Protein backbone atom coordinates (compact mmCIF):
# COMPACT_ATOMS: atom_id res chain seq x y z
CA MET A 1 -98.47 -185.89 -38.71
CA SER A 2 -96.66 -185.51 -41.84
CA ARG A 3 -96.97 -186.55 -45.36
CA THR A 4 -95.47 -185.83 -48.83
CA ALA A 5 -97.60 -185.37 -52.26
CA PRO A 6 -94.84 -186.03 -54.57
CA GLU A 7 -96.86 -184.32 -57.54
CA THR A 8 -96.98 -181.06 -55.42
CA ASP A 9 -93.90 -181.68 -53.66
CA SER A 10 -95.75 -180.53 -50.29
CA THR A 11 -95.46 -181.55 -46.76
CA THR A 12 -97.40 -180.92 -43.26
CA GLU A 13 -93.80 -180.92 -41.35
CA GLY A 14 -94.39 -177.04 -41.23
CA LEU A 15 -93.50 -173.70 -42.32
CA ARG A 16 -89.99 -172.93 -43.77
CA LYS A 17 -88.07 -171.66 -40.69
CA GLY A 18 -85.13 -168.94 -40.78
CA ARG A 19 -86.57 -166.67 -43.35
CA LEU A 20 -87.61 -163.67 -41.53
CA GLY A 21 -85.51 -161.22 -39.31
CA VAL A 22 -86.78 -158.68 -37.22
CA VAL A 23 -86.89 -155.99 -40.33
CA GLY A 24 -88.79 -158.37 -42.54
CA ILE A 25 -91.42 -158.92 -40.06
CA VAL A 26 -91.95 -155.36 -39.31
CA PHE A 27 -92.62 -154.79 -43.04
CA PHE A 28 -95.34 -156.97 -43.13
CA VAL A 29 -96.79 -155.70 -40.01
CA VAL A 30 -96.10 -151.95 -41.31
CA ALA A 31 -97.52 -152.94 -44.51
CA ALA A 32 -100.58 -154.16 -43.09
CA ALA A 33 -101.29 -151.03 -41.10
CA ALA A 34 -101.26 -148.91 -44.52
CA PRO A 35 -100.10 -145.89 -43.05
CA LEU A 36 -100.25 -143.82 -46.11
CA VAL A 37 -104.09 -144.94 -46.49
CA GLY A 38 -104.77 -144.22 -42.75
CA MET A 39 -103.47 -140.63 -43.50
CA THR A 40 -105.41 -140.00 -46.34
CA GLY A 41 -108.49 -141.69 -45.59
CA ALA A 42 -108.78 -141.79 -41.49
CA VAL A 43 -107.30 -138.98 -40.23
CA PRO A 44 -109.19 -136.18 -42.14
CA VAL A 45 -112.52 -138.04 -40.71
CA ALA A 46 -111.21 -137.86 -37.25
CA ILE A 47 -110.43 -134.54 -37.32
CA VAL A 48 -113.84 -133.09 -38.71
CA LEU A 49 -116.30 -135.70 -37.06
CA GLY A 50 -113.92 -136.22 -33.90
CA ASN A 51 -111.96 -134.12 -31.87
CA GLY A 52 -110.60 -131.60 -34.29
CA ALA A 53 -107.06 -130.86 -33.68
CA ALA A 54 -106.52 -133.27 -30.76
CA ALA A 55 -106.89 -136.12 -33.24
CA PRO A 56 -102.94 -136.79 -33.42
CA GLY A 57 -103.31 -137.14 -29.77
CA ALA A 58 -105.98 -139.70 -30.10
CA TYR A 59 -103.62 -141.84 -32.35
CA LEU A 60 -101.08 -141.62 -29.42
CA VAL A 61 -103.22 -142.72 -26.81
CA VAL A 62 -104.40 -145.81 -28.94
CA GLY A 63 -100.76 -146.61 -29.85
CA ILE A 64 -99.84 -146.46 -26.26
CA THR A 65 -102.76 -148.72 -25.38
CA LEU A 66 -101.69 -151.25 -28.06
CA LEU A 67 -98.05 -151.00 -26.63
CA LEU A 68 -99.08 -152.44 -23.03
CA PHE A 69 -100.94 -154.89 -24.96
CA SER A 70 -97.53 -156.00 -26.76
CA VAL A 71 -95.87 -156.29 -23.58
CA GLY A 72 -97.91 -159.40 -22.42
CA TYR A 73 -98.27 -160.43 -26.23
CA ALA A 74 -94.35 -160.34 -26.40
CA ALA A 75 -93.87 -162.28 -23.34
CA MET A 76 -96.29 -165.02 -24.59
CA SER A 77 -94.33 -165.48 -27.56
CA GLN A 78 -91.42 -166.59 -25.44
CA ARG A 79 -93.61 -169.76 -24.48
CA VAL A 80 -95.52 -170.37 -27.81
CA THR A 81 -94.43 -169.96 -31.30
CA ASN A 82 -97.16 -170.70 -33.84
CA ALA A 83 -98.58 -169.53 -37.32
CA GLY A 84 -102.12 -168.90 -35.68
CA ALA A 85 -100.65 -166.77 -32.59
CA PHE A 86 -103.75 -165.60 -31.31
CA PHE A 87 -105.30 -169.03 -31.68
CA ALA A 88 -102.30 -170.52 -29.72
CA TYR A 89 -102.04 -167.92 -26.96
CA ILE A 90 -105.53 -167.96 -26.08
CA GLY A 91 -105.75 -171.82 -26.22
CA ARG A 92 -102.87 -171.81 -23.99
CA GLY A 93 -104.58 -169.08 -21.59
CA LEU A 94 -108.34 -170.03 -21.85
CA GLY A 95 -108.03 -173.50 -22.87
CA ARG A 96 -109.08 -175.38 -26.08
CA HIS A 97 -112.61 -174.27 -26.69
CA ALA A 98 -111.61 -170.46 -26.24
CA GLY A 99 -108.67 -171.04 -28.78
CA ILE A 100 -110.60 -172.66 -31.41
CA ALA A 101 -113.58 -170.17 -31.18
CA SER A 102 -111.05 -167.00 -31.32
CA ALA A 103 -109.47 -168.83 -34.51
CA PHE A 104 -112.65 -168.67 -36.37
CA VAL A 105 -112.88 -164.85 -35.34
CA SER A 106 -109.38 -164.28 -36.49
CA ILE A 107 -109.71 -165.57 -39.69
CA LEU A 108 -112.81 -163.51 -40.42
CA ALA A 109 -110.95 -160.39 -39.22
CA TYR A 110 -108.10 -160.95 -41.44
CA VAL A 111 -110.24 -162.26 -44.55
CA ALA A 112 -112.31 -159.18 -44.21
CA VAL A 113 -109.80 -156.68 -44.17
CA GLN A 114 -108.38 -158.19 -47.12
CA LEU A 115 -111.66 -157.75 -48.93
CA ALA A 116 -111.92 -154.21 -47.77
CA ILE A 117 -108.67 -153.43 -49.46
CA TYR A 118 -109.47 -155.05 -52.27
CA GLY A 119 -112.74 -152.98 -52.71
CA PHE A 120 -110.62 -149.56 -51.81
CA PHE A 121 -107.70 -150.76 -54.55
CA GLY A 122 -110.42 -151.13 -57.37
CA ALA A 123 -112.15 -147.85 -56.51
CA VAL A 124 -108.96 -145.95 -56.37
CA VAL A 125 -107.36 -147.45 -59.36
CA ALA A 126 -110.36 -146.93 -61.63
CA ALA A 127 -110.98 -143.43 -60.46
CA GLN A 128 -107.48 -142.46 -61.44
CA PHE A 129 -106.83 -144.57 -64.55
CA GLY A 130 -110.36 -145.73 -65.71
CA LEU A 131 -109.97 -148.18 -68.61
CA LEU A 132 -111.46 -150.85 -66.76
CA PRO A 133 -114.17 -151.29 -64.01
CA TRP A 134 -113.09 -151.09 -60.52
CA TRP A 135 -113.78 -155.03 -59.97
CA ALA A 136 -111.48 -155.89 -63.17
CA TRP A 137 -108.59 -154.01 -61.44
CA SER A 138 -109.35 -155.84 -58.05
CA LEU A 139 -109.31 -159.30 -59.69
CA LEU A 140 -105.75 -157.88 -61.39
CA ALA A 141 -104.26 -157.22 -57.65
CA TRP A 142 -106.06 -160.53 -56.90
CA LEU A 143 -104.04 -162.47 -59.24
CA ALA A 144 -100.61 -160.79 -58.45
CA VAL A 145 -101.28 -161.40 -54.47
CA THR A 146 -102.11 -164.91 -54.94
CA ALA A 147 -98.89 -165.45 -57.02
CA LEU A 148 -96.61 -163.82 -54.33
CA SER A 149 -98.31 -165.51 -51.95
CA LEU A 150 -97.33 -168.79 -52.76
CA LEU A 151 -93.81 -167.98 -53.05
CA SER A 152 -91.22 -167.99 -50.12
CA VAL A 153 -92.27 -165.69 -47.51
CA ASP A 154 -89.03 -163.71 -47.86
CA VAL A 155 -89.60 -162.80 -51.46
CA GLY A 156 -92.86 -161.10 -50.08
CA ALA A 157 -91.03 -159.26 -47.55
CA LYS A 158 -88.73 -158.08 -50.12
CA VAL A 159 -91.81 -156.77 -52.42
CA LEU A 160 -92.94 -154.97 -49.16
CA GLY A 161 -89.86 -153.51 -48.25
CA VAL A 162 -89.34 -151.83 -51.41
CA LEU A 163 -93.09 -150.43 -51.39
CA MET A 164 -92.95 -149.50 -47.69
CA ILE A 165 -89.41 -147.76 -48.06
CA PHE A 166 -91.07 -145.39 -50.45
CA GLU A 167 -94.46 -145.07 -48.84
CA LEU A 168 -92.50 -143.83 -45.15
CA ALA A 169 -90.20 -141.93 -46.68
CA SER A 170 -92.94 -139.53 -48.44
CA LEU A 171 -95.03 -139.30 -44.99
CA LEU A 172 -91.40 -138.59 -43.35
CA ILE A 173 -90.63 -136.00 -46.15
CA VAL A 174 -94.07 -134.32 -45.79
CA SER A 175 -93.79 -134.05 -41.69
CA VAL A 176 -90.48 -132.76 -41.97
CA ALA A 177 -91.27 -129.86 -44.22
CA ILE A 178 -94.52 -128.65 -42.32
CA LEU A 179 -92.96 -129.17 -39.11
CA ALA A 180 -89.77 -127.03 -39.95
CA ASP A 181 -91.83 -124.54 -41.73
CA GLY A 182 -94.47 -124.48 -38.85
CA GLY A 183 -97.56 -123.82 -40.55
CA PRO A 184 -99.82 -120.49 -40.56
CA GLU A 185 -100.10 -120.63 -36.89
CA GLY A 186 -96.71 -122.22 -35.71
CA LEU A 187 -96.37 -125.56 -33.73
CA ASN A 188 -98.93 -125.94 -31.16
CA VAL A 189 -98.41 -129.35 -29.35
CA ALA A 190 -100.93 -128.71 -26.35
CA ALA A 191 -103.46 -128.14 -29.24
CA SER A 192 -103.33 -131.78 -30.33
CA PHE A 193 -101.63 -133.57 -27.40
CA ALA A 194 -103.06 -131.82 -24.29
CA PRO A 195 -105.43 -134.35 -22.15
CA ASP A 196 -108.34 -132.13 -22.11
CA ARG A 197 -108.16 -131.34 -25.90
CA ILE A 198 -107.80 -135.01 -26.45
CA LEU A 199 -111.07 -135.67 -24.66
CA ILE A 200 -113.00 -132.95 -25.76
CA GLY A 201 -116.49 -133.54 -26.62
CA GLY A 202 -116.05 -136.89 -24.23
CA LEU A 203 -115.83 -140.35 -25.06
CA ALA A 204 -119.52 -140.65 -25.89
CA GLY A 205 -119.39 -137.44 -28.24
CA SER A 206 -116.40 -136.15 -30.52
CA ALA A 207 -113.46 -137.61 -28.70
CA GLY A 208 -115.02 -141.29 -28.85
CA ILE A 209 -115.60 -140.84 -32.64
CA ALA A 210 -111.51 -139.90 -33.14
CA PHE A 211 -110.60 -143.14 -30.73
CA ALA A 212 -112.85 -145.39 -33.12
CA PHE A 213 -110.82 -144.11 -36.03
CA ALA A 214 -107.47 -144.25 -34.50
CA PHE A 215 -108.26 -147.78 -33.50
CA ALA A 216 -109.22 -148.77 -37.08
CA SER A 217 -106.20 -147.41 -38.46
CA PHE A 218 -103.80 -149.93 -35.99
CA ILE A 219 -105.30 -153.04 -37.33
CA GLY A 220 -102.67 -155.29 -38.62
CA PHE A 221 -99.79 -154.60 -35.84
CA GLU A 222 -100.53 -157.89 -34.04
CA ALA A 223 -99.64 -159.86 -36.76
CA THR A 224 -95.99 -160.28 -35.59
CA ALA A 225 -96.04 -163.62 -34.03
CA ILE A 226 -97.96 -165.08 -37.00
CA TYR A 227 -94.41 -165.26 -38.58
CA GLY A 228 -92.62 -166.64 -35.45
CA GLU A 229 -92.26 -170.22 -37.20
CA GLU A 230 -90.59 -168.50 -40.42
CA SER A 231 -88.39 -166.37 -38.41
CA LYS A 232 -84.54 -166.73 -37.59
CA GLU A 233 -84.76 -166.79 -33.42
CA PRO A 234 -88.49 -166.43 -33.03
CA LYS A 235 -88.08 -166.21 -29.19
CA LYS A 236 -86.06 -163.14 -29.90
CA VAL A 237 -87.59 -161.69 -32.86
CA VAL A 238 -91.21 -161.64 -32.31
CA PRO A 239 -90.87 -159.56 -29.32
CA ARG A 240 -88.43 -157.29 -30.98
CA ALA A 241 -90.62 -156.88 -34.34
CA THR A 242 -94.00 -156.41 -32.01
CA TYR A 243 -92.30 -153.67 -29.97
CA LEU A 244 -90.63 -151.91 -32.97
CA ALA A 245 -93.86 -152.40 -35.29
CA VAL A 246 -96.12 -150.63 -32.64
CA ILE A 247 -93.64 -147.85 -31.83
CA VAL A 248 -93.36 -147.45 -35.61
CA ILE A 249 -96.73 -147.16 -36.36
CA THR A 250 -97.27 -145.15 -33.24
CA VAL A 251 -94.86 -142.61 -34.00
CA LEU A 252 -95.81 -142.09 -37.53
CA PHE A 253 -99.14 -141.78 -37.01
CA ALA A 254 -98.93 -139.52 -34.45
CA VAL A 255 -96.16 -137.37 -36.19
CA THR A 256 -97.74 -137.22 -39.37
CA SER A 257 -101.26 -136.21 -38.23
CA PHE A 258 -99.43 -133.74 -35.99
CA ALA A 259 -97.86 -132.26 -39.18
CA MET A 260 -101.06 -132.20 -40.87
CA VAL A 261 -102.81 -130.06 -38.26
CA THR A 262 -99.83 -127.96 -37.92
CA GLY A 263 -99.86 -127.20 -41.87
CA MET A 264 -103.45 -125.74 -41.94
CA GLY A 265 -103.47 -124.35 -38.50
CA SER A 266 -105.05 -125.84 -35.47
CA SER A 267 -107.35 -123.13 -34.82
CA VAL A 268 -109.07 -123.84 -38.07
CA VAL A 269 -107.98 -127.31 -38.94
CA VAL A 270 -111.81 -128.63 -38.90
CA ASP A 271 -112.75 -125.85 -41.53
CA LYS A 272 -109.63 -126.20 -43.60
CA THR A 273 -109.84 -130.03 -43.82
CA LEU A 274 -113.49 -129.83 -44.85
CA GLU A 275 -112.23 -127.28 -47.69
CA LEU A 276 -109.58 -129.20 -48.71
CA SER A 277 -111.47 -132.82 -48.76
CA GLU A 278 -114.35 -131.24 -50.74
CA GLY A 279 -116.68 -131.54 -47.65
CA LEU A 280 -114.92 -135.11 -46.69
CA VAL A 281 -115.82 -136.56 -50.42
CA ASN A 282 -112.00 -136.75 -51.12
CA PRO A 283 -110.16 -136.83 -48.12
CA ALA A 284 -107.00 -138.00 -49.62
CA GLY A 285 -106.93 -134.41 -50.79
CA VAL A 286 -105.77 -133.20 -47.47
CA LEU A 287 -102.32 -134.63 -47.57
CA PHE A 288 -101.88 -134.55 -51.45
CA SER A 289 -102.57 -130.51 -51.06
CA LEU A 290 -100.29 -130.08 -47.98
CA ALA A 291 -97.68 -132.12 -49.91
CA ALA A 292 -97.90 -130.00 -52.81
CA GLN A 293 -98.02 -126.79 -50.59
CA TYR A 294 -95.21 -127.44 -48.45
CA VAL A 295 -92.79 -129.91 -50.62
CA GLY A 296 -93.94 -129.28 -54.35
CA GLY A 297 -96.70 -130.54 -56.70
CA TRP A 298 -94.51 -133.45 -57.83
CA LEU A 299 -94.80 -135.34 -53.86
CA GLY A 300 -98.51 -134.86 -54.25
CA THR A 301 -98.55 -136.85 -57.41
CA VAL A 302 -96.09 -139.37 -55.93
CA MET A 303 -98.17 -140.11 -53.05
CA SER A 304 -101.45 -140.50 -55.01
CA ILE A 305 -99.44 -143.06 -56.93
CA LEU A 306 -97.82 -144.51 -53.40
CA VAL A 307 -101.24 -145.08 -52.16
CA LEU A 308 -101.93 -147.82 -54.53
CA SER A 309 -98.59 -149.55 -53.54
CA SER A 310 -99.77 -149.01 -50.09
CA LEU A 311 -102.90 -150.68 -50.59
CA PHE A 312 -101.26 -153.67 -52.79
CA ALA A 313 -98.66 -154.05 -49.82
CA GLY A 314 -101.79 -154.42 -47.54
CA LEU A 315 -103.51 -157.02 -49.37
CA LEU A 316 -100.37 -159.54 -49.51
CA ALA A 317 -99.62 -158.66 -45.60
CA PHE A 318 -103.20 -159.87 -44.85
CA GLN A 319 -103.02 -162.60 -47.51
CA ASN A 320 -100.04 -163.93 -45.48
CA ALA A 321 -101.82 -163.49 -42.45
CA ALA A 322 -105.21 -165.10 -43.21
CA SER A 323 -103.29 -168.49 -44.84
CA ARG A 324 -101.22 -168.83 -42.23
CA TYR A 325 -104.06 -168.96 -39.80
CA PHE A 326 -106.10 -171.57 -42.27
CA PHE A 327 -102.84 -173.23 -42.07
CA ALA A 328 -102.41 -173.46 -38.34
CA MET A 329 -105.94 -174.58 -37.72
CA ALA A 330 -105.78 -177.40 -40.10
CA ARG A 331 -102.27 -178.31 -38.48
CA GLY A 332 -104.67 -178.63 -35.40
CA GLY A 333 -107.13 -180.39 -36.97
CA ILE A 334 -110.11 -178.15 -36.76
CA LEU A 335 -109.90 -177.77 -40.54
CA PRO A 336 -109.28 -180.29 -43.37
CA LYS A 337 -105.48 -181.66 -43.34
CA VAL A 338 -105.04 -180.62 -46.57
CA LEU A 339 -104.59 -177.03 -45.69
CA SER A 340 -101.81 -177.82 -43.41
CA THR A 341 -99.35 -178.72 -46.53
CA THR A 342 -96.59 -176.22 -47.57
CA ASN A 343 -95.25 -176.12 -51.03
CA ARG A 344 -91.80 -176.64 -52.11
CA ARG A 345 -90.89 -172.89 -51.46
CA GLY A 346 -92.10 -173.37 -47.64
CA ALA A 347 -95.35 -171.25 -47.92
CA PRO A 348 -98.47 -172.60 -46.88
CA GLY A 349 -99.83 -173.23 -50.57
CA THR A 350 -103.26 -174.43 -50.28
CA ALA A 351 -104.20 -172.09 -47.65
CA SER A 352 -102.90 -169.28 -49.30
CA ILE A 353 -105.29 -170.58 -52.46
CA LEU A 354 -108.25 -171.10 -50.16
CA THR A 355 -107.91 -167.56 -48.87
CA SER A 356 -107.72 -166.20 -52.44
CA VAL A 357 -110.87 -168.52 -53.30
CA ILE A 358 -112.83 -166.87 -50.81
CA SER A 359 -111.94 -163.25 -51.64
CA GLY A 360 -112.16 -163.77 -55.38
CA ILE A 361 -115.77 -165.09 -54.73
CA ILE A 362 -116.86 -162.16 -52.73
CA ILE A 363 -115.42 -159.71 -55.10
CA VAL A 364 -117.48 -161.61 -58.35
CA VAL A 365 -120.69 -161.39 -55.81
CA PHE A 366 -120.07 -157.50 -55.38
CA ALA A 367 -119.47 -156.91 -58.79
CA VAL A 368 -122.48 -158.97 -59.96
CA THR A 369 -124.56 -157.07 -57.44
CA GLN A 370 -123.52 -153.87 -58.47
CA LEU A 371 -122.79 -152.85 -54.70
CA ASP A 372 -120.06 -149.72 -54.62
CA PRO A 373 -116.47 -150.97 -53.93
CA PHE A 374 -115.76 -148.21 -51.45
CA LEU A 375 -119.32 -147.46 -49.68
CA ALA A 376 -120.20 -151.31 -49.60
CA LEU A 377 -116.98 -153.57 -49.66
CA PHE A 378 -114.49 -151.47 -48.25
CA SER A 379 -116.80 -149.85 -45.40
CA TRP A 380 -118.52 -152.76 -44.25
CA PHE A 381 -115.49 -155.08 -44.41
CA SER A 382 -113.13 -152.88 -42.59
CA GLY A 383 -115.59 -152.04 -40.02
CA LEU A 384 -116.29 -155.70 -39.43
CA ALA A 385 -112.45 -156.60 -39.23
CA VAL A 386 -111.54 -154.17 -36.70
CA LEU A 387 -114.55 -155.26 -34.45
CA ALA A 388 -113.09 -158.63 -34.82
CA ILE A 389 -109.50 -157.96 -34.14
CA VAL A 390 -110.09 -155.81 -31.06
CA LEU A 391 -112.69 -158.74 -29.65
CA ILE A 392 -109.69 -161.39 -30.05
CA GLU A 393 -107.06 -158.80 -28.53
CA ILE A 394 -109.43 -158.54 -25.29
CA LEU A 395 -109.33 -162.31 -25.22
CA VAL A 396 -105.41 -162.44 -25.76
CA CYS A 397 -105.03 -159.76 -22.71
CA VAL A 398 -107.16 -161.94 -20.31
CA SER A 399 -105.32 -165.05 -21.70
CA VAL A 400 -101.96 -163.85 -20.93
CA ILE A 401 -103.11 -163.01 -17.29
CA VAL A 402 -104.50 -166.43 -16.70
CA PHE A 403 -101.54 -168.07 -18.21
CA PHE A 404 -98.67 -166.23 -16.23
CA ARG A 405 -100.68 -167.01 -12.95
CA ARG A 406 -100.68 -170.64 -13.80
CA ASN A 407 -97.15 -170.75 -15.19
CA ARG A 408 -94.82 -168.57 -13.35
CA GLY A 409 -91.44 -167.88 -14.86
CA SER A 410 -88.75 -165.34 -15.38
CA GLU A 411 -91.19 -162.56 -16.29
CA ASN A 412 -91.98 -159.70 -14.10
CA VAL A 413 -95.39 -158.76 -12.72
CA PHE A 414 -95.71 -155.83 -15.33
CA GLN A 415 -95.13 -158.18 -18.07
CA THR A 416 -97.77 -160.90 -16.73
CA THR A 417 -100.19 -158.72 -15.23
CA VAL A 418 -100.17 -154.61 -15.21
CA ALA A 419 -99.54 -154.07 -18.69
CA PRO A 420 -102.28 -156.70 -19.82
CA ILE A 421 -104.82 -155.12 -17.45
CA LEU A 422 -104.29 -151.71 -18.46
CA ALA A 423 -104.32 -152.86 -22.19
CA LEU A 424 -107.50 -154.49 -21.36
CA VAL A 425 -109.15 -151.72 -19.90
CA GLY A 426 -108.39 -149.65 -22.89
CA LEU A 427 -109.14 -152.35 -25.37
CA VAL A 428 -112.63 -153.02 -23.90
CA LEU A 429 -113.34 -149.12 -23.95
CA GLY A 430 -112.03 -149.17 -27.53
CA GLU A 431 -114.63 -151.94 -28.43
CA TYR A 432 -117.60 -150.17 -27.22
CA LEU A 433 -116.23 -147.10 -28.89
CA LEU A 434 -116.28 -149.16 -32.04
CA MET A 435 -119.60 -150.65 -31.83
CA SER A 436 -121.30 -147.64 -30.65
CA ARG A 437 -119.81 -145.45 -33.58
CA PHE A 438 -120.01 -148.34 -36.19
CA ALA A 439 -122.71 -146.60 -38.21
CA ILE A 440 -119.63 -143.79 -39.07
CA LEU A 441 -116.93 -146.30 -39.47
CA ALA A 442 -118.81 -148.55 -41.88
CA GLY A 443 -121.60 -146.12 -43.30
CA THR A 444 -124.47 -148.26 -41.94
CA SER A 445 -126.39 -145.46 -40.06
CA ALA A 446 -130.17 -145.87 -39.53
CA GLU A 447 -132.44 -143.57 -42.08
CA GLY A 448 -132.97 -140.35 -40.52
CA VAL A 449 -130.71 -139.99 -37.83
CA ASP A 450 -127.31 -138.79 -37.67
CA PRO A 451 -124.73 -140.93 -36.36
CA THR A 452 -122.17 -138.13 -35.46
CA VAL A 453 -124.43 -137.08 -32.69
CA THR A 454 -126.58 -140.48 -31.90
CA PRO A 455 -124.73 -143.36 -30.97
CA TRP A 456 -125.69 -146.95 -31.98
CA ALA A 457 -127.59 -145.40 -34.75
CA MET A 458 -127.04 -148.25 -37.05
CA SER A 459 -129.34 -149.84 -39.89
CA ALA A 460 -130.26 -153.41 -39.96
CA ILE A 461 -126.93 -154.52 -41.95
CA GLY A 462 -124.94 -152.31 -39.16
CA TRP A 463 -126.63 -154.41 -36.53
CA VAL A 464 -125.80 -157.83 -38.51
CA LEU A 465 -121.85 -156.91 -39.27
CA VAL A 466 -121.67 -155.59 -35.51
CA LEU A 467 -122.75 -159.10 -34.23
CA VAL A 468 -121.19 -161.57 -36.38
CA PRO A 469 -117.84 -161.83 -34.52
CA PHE A 470 -119.82 -162.46 -31.36
CA ALA A 471 -121.90 -164.88 -33.04
CA LEU A 472 -118.98 -166.45 -34.61
CA LEU A 473 -117.20 -166.90 -31.37
CA ALA A 474 -120.26 -168.57 -30.23
CA VAL A 475 -120.10 -170.96 -33.09
CA GLY A 476 -116.47 -171.68 -32.48
CA PHE A 477 -117.27 -172.81 -28.94
CA VAL A 478 -120.02 -175.10 -30.38
CA VAL A 479 -117.43 -176.72 -32.82
CA SER A 480 -114.87 -177.19 -30.28
CA GLY A 481 -117.23 -178.76 -27.83
CA MET A 482 -118.02 -181.23 -30.56
CA ARG A 483 -114.76 -182.37 -31.16
CA ARG A 484 -114.08 -184.81 -28.32
CA THR A 485 -111.77 -187.83 -29.82
CA SER A 486 -108.08 -188.58 -28.63
CA GLU A 487 -107.09 -187.81 -32.02
CA ASP A 488 -108.41 -184.34 -32.01
CA ASP A 489 -107.16 -183.56 -28.50
CA GLN A 490 -103.61 -184.63 -29.49
CA LEU A 491 -103.73 -182.33 -32.72
CA LEU A 492 -104.85 -179.60 -30.47
CA ARG A 493 -102.27 -180.09 -28.05
CA ASP A 494 -99.60 -179.72 -30.90
CA VAL A 495 -100.65 -176.38 -31.76
CA ILE A 496 -101.45 -174.73 -28.36
CA SER A 497 -98.13 -176.51 -26.66
């Protein structure tokens, strides 16, 4: 199972252990969620097209759903430690074929979301600084991300740590300033968090749109278990990091979005959001304007720069996640063994390079075909990624329930059954909302149809993107069914045991 290549000092013995603690993993996960990007991009749209002042409540409900998911997910991490967490968890609960199939969808999700961020990053930098076209800025970031991903994982964690401290500090400063002031109408908790306000317009209408954007904002939180092999005490670190990451992201999103609503006034928040965002043409203008109004112009300027660092942090986080999935699948015999090698720093070097090659090629293709970096690269791939991730989370919930019914231990019924079932219900509903409102998420509405009024109003490219995760899941089952040798079985047992 191991080999050594002197010229690259690589080995298949595994990732370098003991590099990360709870805080280091949380930095990777919160970076992947890119909170500043969510607050500047998703929240204004959720307010205007969704449930208005109750958008913070939608974020809170989704956060609670994912916290319930984390209960079973963390319990599973006590039994399985693997760099391909979803792959391994689903394989243990639902069998080899389901595990392999889910691995293909997981890789799709992480590569897709990284591509989306490359498009957003290039578009934002080109708009702010000019000098180079978007794709050139994206490729410069691509070079830096590739280089950092080849270093020891704790180096990446330190880089993310610095970026995240500034990002979180800026959000906390503006939130505290607005909430302390009370805004033009004072604090109105009921307007944002009362159940009837959260569900205003119904799940088939405006509330469903808000929930869809909230689910999209949380992508990346589940990556805690991916770093289990590189953590100091995975059985303790992964569960703690999972709970802490979900709680931090949920509180941050709910509080900051509530502060934004308060700063504008809950009764006029939709009109005010449209005004500050120039009709949603510039959604980032909402938070930047509020920062300038309640703190000072300097913070708005700082936050406009921190958006770039937030995007870069997300690029590095998803680069690490995707490369570790490639590594885990190769180690399990599903992909070429060369991808299971680690470099002298303990990083999955070959898998990281493959991840970069894929993303680099697609950036070039979008540049050559002159497709818009935001309307196409970002919107299409971010929508695709969140659909894929929620699909896998649904399978994980089912897997947790099945696994613990067959393998009873010290875990209680809430961990093994109640929480996973509640999360499953929420995630299935979330997947439906994401699919039915995909035209708004990905900008792929059918010609002549208003997607804010009509669900499922997608163009041909929208339908293709929606169906890709399910098609790839089916392909994974076929690939798994074709692998029947005893050697493959042993390799797969190594991965899912």
